[in-house]
Amino acid sequence: MSIGRIMELYQFAWMFESHAQQRLAWDDAADARFARMRAEQEASRQLQMMLEANPSGSLGHATLDDEDVLKDSGLL
């Protein structure tokens, strides 16, 4: 077997490996997009809860464990 033929076989095998790695990268990217979407939804939900708990936005005047606000926002 000549060196050229061995290199062709090696490159052919490497092509399959590189395609497999590319598919793994695509799967990872899809998982990352899904995780980002979930994180953005959770952040939006938390922001909405913060605004409901303190609608004025002046967090400097907020009180901790204000039961009326927590009940109104559905957290209690």
N, C-alpha and C. Protein backbone atom coordinates (compact mmCIF):
# COMPACT_ATOMS: atom_id res chain seq x y z
N MET A 1 0.84 -1.17 0.00
CA MET A 1 0.00 0.00 0.00
C MET A 1 0.89 1.24 0.00
N SER A 2 0.57 2.14 -0.85
CA SER A 2 1.40 3.35 -0.95
C SER A 2 1.00 4.37 0.11
N ILE A 3 1.90 5.28 0.33
CA ILE A 3 1.67 6.34 1.32
C ILE A 3 0.45 7.16 0.92
N GLY A 4 0.29 7.43 -0.37
CA GLY A 4 -0.86 8.22 -0.84
C GLY A 4 -2.18 7.54 -0.51
N ARG A 5 -2.22 6.22 -0.70
CA ARG A 5 -3.45 5.47 -0.41
C ARG A 5 -3.74 5.47 1.09
N ILE A 6 -2.71 5.36 1.90
CA ILE A 6 -2.88 5.40 3.36
C ILE A 6 -3.41 6.77 3.78
N MET A 7 -2.88 7.83 3.19
CA MET A 7 -3.34 9.18 3.51
C MET A 7 -4.79 9.37 3.09
N GLU A 8 -5.18 8.83 1.96
CA GLU A 8 -6.56 8.92 1.52
C GLU A 8 -7.50 8.24 2.50
N LEU A 9 -7.13 7.06 2.97
CA LEU A 9 -7.95 6.34 3.94
C LEU A 9 -8.03 7.10 5.27
N TYR A 10 -6.91 7.66 5.68
CA TYR A 10 -6.89 8.45 6.91
C TYR A 10 -7.80 9.66 6.78
N GLN A 11 -7.70 10.37 5.68
CA GLN A 11 -8.54 11.55 5.47
C GLN A 11 -10.02 11.15 5.40
N PHE A 12 -10.31 10.01 4.80
CA PHE A 12 -11.69 9.54 4.72
C PHE A 12 -12.24 9.25 6.11
N ALA A 13 -11.44 8.57 6.94
CA ALA A 13 -11.87 8.27 8.32
C ALA A 13 -12.00 9.57 9.12
N TRP A 14 -11.08 10.49 8.92
CA TRP A 14 -11.12 11.76 9.65
C TRP A 14 -12.35 12.58 9.26
N MET A 15 -12.78 12.47 8.01
CA MET A 15 -13.96 13.18 7.55
C MET A 15 -15.18 12.73 8.36
N PHE A 16 -15.33 11.43 8.60
CA PHE A 16 -16.45 10.95 9.40
C PHE A 16 -16.38 11.48 10.82
N GLU A 17 -15.17 11.49 11.38
CA GLU A 17 -15.01 12.00 12.74
C GLU A 17 -15.34 13.48 12.81
N SER A 18 -14.89 14.25 11.85
CA SER A 18 -15.16 15.69 11.88
C SER A 18 -16.66 15.96 11.70
N HIS A 19 -17.34 15.17 10.88
CA HIS A 19 -18.79 15.34 10.73
C HIS A 19 -19.51 15.00 12.03
N ALA A 20 -19.05 13.98 12.71
CA ALA A 20 -19.66 13.62 14.00
C ALA A 20 -19.46 14.73 15.02
N GLN A 21 -18.26 15.31 15.04
CA GLN A 21 -18.00 16.42 15.96
C GLN A 21 -18.85 17.64 15.61
N GLN A 22 -19.05 17.88 14.32
CA GLN A 22 -19.89 19.01 13.89
C GLN A 22 -21.33 18.80 14.35
N ARG A 23 -21.84 17.58 14.23
CA ARG A 23 -23.20 17.29 14.70
C ARG A 23 -23.31 17.51 16.21
N LEU A 24 -22.28 17.11 16.96
CA LEU A 24 -22.29 17.36 18.41
C LEU A 24 -22.31 18.86 18.71
N ALA A 25 -21.55 19.62 17.93
CA ALA A 25 -21.54 21.08 18.12
C ALA A 25 -22.90 21.68 17.83
N TRP A 26 -23.57 21.19 16.79
CA TRP A 26 -24.92 21.69 16.48
C TRP A 26 -25.89 21.35 17.60
N ASP A 27 -25.78 20.14 18.14
CA ASP A 27 -26.65 19.75 19.26
C ASP A 27 -26.38 20.64 20.48
N ASP A 28 -25.11 20.90 20.76
CA ASP A 28 -24.77 21.77 21.89
C ASP A 28 -25.31 23.18 21.68
N ALA A 29 -25.23 23.68 20.47
CA ALA A 29 -25.75 25.01 20.17
C ALA A 29 -27.26 25.05 20.35
N ALA A 30 -27.95 24.01 19.92
CA ALA A 30 -29.40 23.96 20.10
C ALA A 30 -29.75 23.92 21.59
N ASP A 31 -29.01 23.13 22.37
CA ASP A 31 -29.24 23.08 23.82
C ASP A 31 -28.98 24.44 24.46
N ALA A 32 -27.94 25.13 24.01
CA ALA A 32 -27.62 26.45 24.55
C ALA A 32 -28.72 27.45 24.22
N ARG A 33 -29.26 27.38 23.00
CA ARG A 33 -30.36 28.29 22.65
C ARG A 33 -31.58 28.03 23.52
N PHE A 34 -31.88 26.76 23.77
CA PHE A 34 -33.02 26.41 24.61
C PHE A 34 -32.80 26.88 26.04
N ALA A 35 -31.59 26.68 26.57
CA ALA A 35 -31.27 27.12 27.93
C ALA A 35 -31.35 28.64 28.04
N ARG A 36 -30.90 29.35 27.01
CA ARG A 36 -30.97 30.82 27.03
C ARG A 36 -32.43 31.27 27.01
N MET A 37 -33.26 30.60 26.22
CA MET A 37 -34.67 30.96 26.16
C MET A 37 -35.32 30.76 27.54
N ARG A 38 -35.01 29.62 28.19
CA ARG A 38 -35.57 29.38 29.52
C ARG A 38 -35.08 30.42 30.52
N ALA A 39 -33.80 30.78 30.46
CA ALA A 39 -33.24 31.77 31.38
C ALA A 39 -33.88 33.14 31.16
N GLU A 40 -34.11 33.52 29.91
CA GLU A 40 -34.75 34.80 29.62
C GLU A 40 -36.19 34.81 30.12
N GLN A 41 -36.89 33.69 29.98
CA GLN A 41 -38.26 33.61 30.50
C GLN A 41 -38.28 33.72 32.02
N GLU A 42 -37.33 33.04 32.67
CA GLU A 42 -37.26 33.10 34.13
C GLU A 42 -36.91 34.52 34.59
N ALA A 43 -35.99 35.18 33.90
CA ALA A 43 -35.63 36.55 34.26
C ALA A 43 -36.82 37.48 34.07
N SER A 44 -37.58 37.28 33.00
CA SER A 44 -38.77 38.10 32.76
C SER A 44 -39.80 37.87 33.86
N ARG A 45 -39.97 36.61 34.26
CA ARG A 45 -40.92 36.30 35.32
C ARG A 45 -40.48 36.93 36.65
N GLN A 46 -39.19 36.86 36.94
CA GLN A 46 -38.68 37.47 38.17
C GLN A 46 -38.83 38.98 38.15
N LEU A 47 -38.58 39.59 37.00
CA LEU A 47 -38.75 41.04 36.88
C LEU A 47 -40.21 41.42 37.12
N GLN A 48 -41.12 40.66 36.53
CA GLN A 48 -42.54 40.94 36.73
C GLN A 48 -42.92 40.81 38.20
N MET A 49 -42.40 39.80 38.89
CA MET A 49 -42.69 39.64 40.32
C MET A 49 -42.11 40.80 41.13
N MET A 50 -40.92 41.27 40.75
CA MET A 50 -40.32 42.40 41.45
C MET A 50 -41.15 43.66 41.25
N LEU A 51 -41.63 43.86 40.03
CA LEU A 51 -42.43 45.05 39.77
C LEU A 51 -43.78 44.98 40.48
N GLU A 52 -44.34 43.77 40.59
CA GLU A 52 -45.60 43.63 41.32
C GLU A 52 -45.40 43.85 42.81
N ALA A 53 -44.27 43.39 43.34
CA ALA A 53 -43.98 43.55 44.76
C ALA A 53 -43.65 45.00 45.10
N ASN A 54 -43.08 45.72 44.15
CA ASN A 54 -42.70 47.11 44.38
C ASN A 54 -42.96 47.90 43.09
N PRO A 55 -44.20 48.26 42.82
CA PRO A 55 -44.54 48.86 41.53
C PRO A 55 -43.91 50.21 41.27
N SER A 56 -43.54 50.95 42.32
CA SER A 56 -42.97 52.27 42.08
C SER A 56 -41.57 52.18 41.50
N GLY A 57 -40.91 51.06 41.70
CA GLY A 57 -39.56 50.90 41.19
C GLY A 57 -38.50 51.48 42.10
N SER A 58 -38.91 52.12 43.17
CA SER A 58 -37.94 52.70 44.09
C SER A 58 -37.59 51.66 45.15
N LEU A 59 -36.66 50.81 44.82
CA LEU A 59 -36.30 49.72 45.72
C LEU A 59 -35.69 50.22 47.02
N GLY A 60 -35.25 51.46 47.07
CA GLY A 60 -34.70 52.01 48.30
C GLY A 60 -35.74 52.14 49.39
N HIS A 61 -37.01 52.21 49.03
CA HIS A 61 -38.08 52.36 50.02
C HIS A 61 -38.87 51.06 50.21
N ALA A 62 -38.39 49.98 49.66
CA ALA A 62 -39.08 48.71 49.77
C ALA A 62 -38.88 48.13 51.17
N THR A 63 -39.86 47.38 51.61
CA THR A 63 -39.72 46.70 52.89
C THR A 63 -39.67 45.20 52.65
N LEU A 64 -38.92 44.52 53.48
CA LEU A 64 -38.81 43.08 53.36
C LEU A 64 -40.02 42.42 54.00
N ASP A 65 -40.46 41.33 53.40
CA ASP A 65 -41.54 40.50 53.93
C ASP A 65 -42.83 41.29 54.14
N ASP A 66 -43.16 42.18 53.23
CA ASP A 66 -44.44 42.90 53.29
C ASP A 66 -45.53 41.92 52.85
N GLU A 67 -46.27 41.39 53.82
CA GLU A 67 -47.22 40.32 53.53
C GLU A 67 -48.33 40.74 52.58
N ASP A 68 -48.77 41.98 52.67
CA ASP A 68 -49.84 42.43 51.76
C ASP A 68 -49.38 42.40 50.31
N VAL A 69 -48.19 42.92 50.07
CA VAL A 69 -47.66 42.93 48.69
C VAL A 69 -47.39 41.51 48.22
N LEU A 70 -46.84 40.67 49.09
CA LEU A 70 -46.57 39.29 48.71
C LEU A 70 -47.86 38.53 48.39
N LYS A 71 -48.92 38.77 49.16
CA LYS A 71 -50.20 38.13 48.87
C LYS A 71 -50.79 38.65 47.56
N ASP A 72 -50.68 39.96 47.33
CA ASP A 72 -51.21 40.53 46.08
C ASP A 72 -50.50 39.99 44.86
N SER A 73 -49.20 39.72 44.99
CA SER A 73 -48.43 39.23 43.84
C SER A 73 -48.56 37.72 43.67
N GLY A 74 -49.21 37.06 44.63
CA GLY A 74 -49.42 35.62 44.52
C GLY A 74 -48.28 34.79 45.08
N LEU A 75 -47.36 35.42 45.77
CA LEU A 75 -46.23 34.68 46.31
C LEU A 75 -46.55 34.02 47.64
N LEU A 76 -47.62 34.45 48.28
CA LEU A 76 -48.05 33.80 49.54
C LEU A 76 -49.42 33.21 49.36
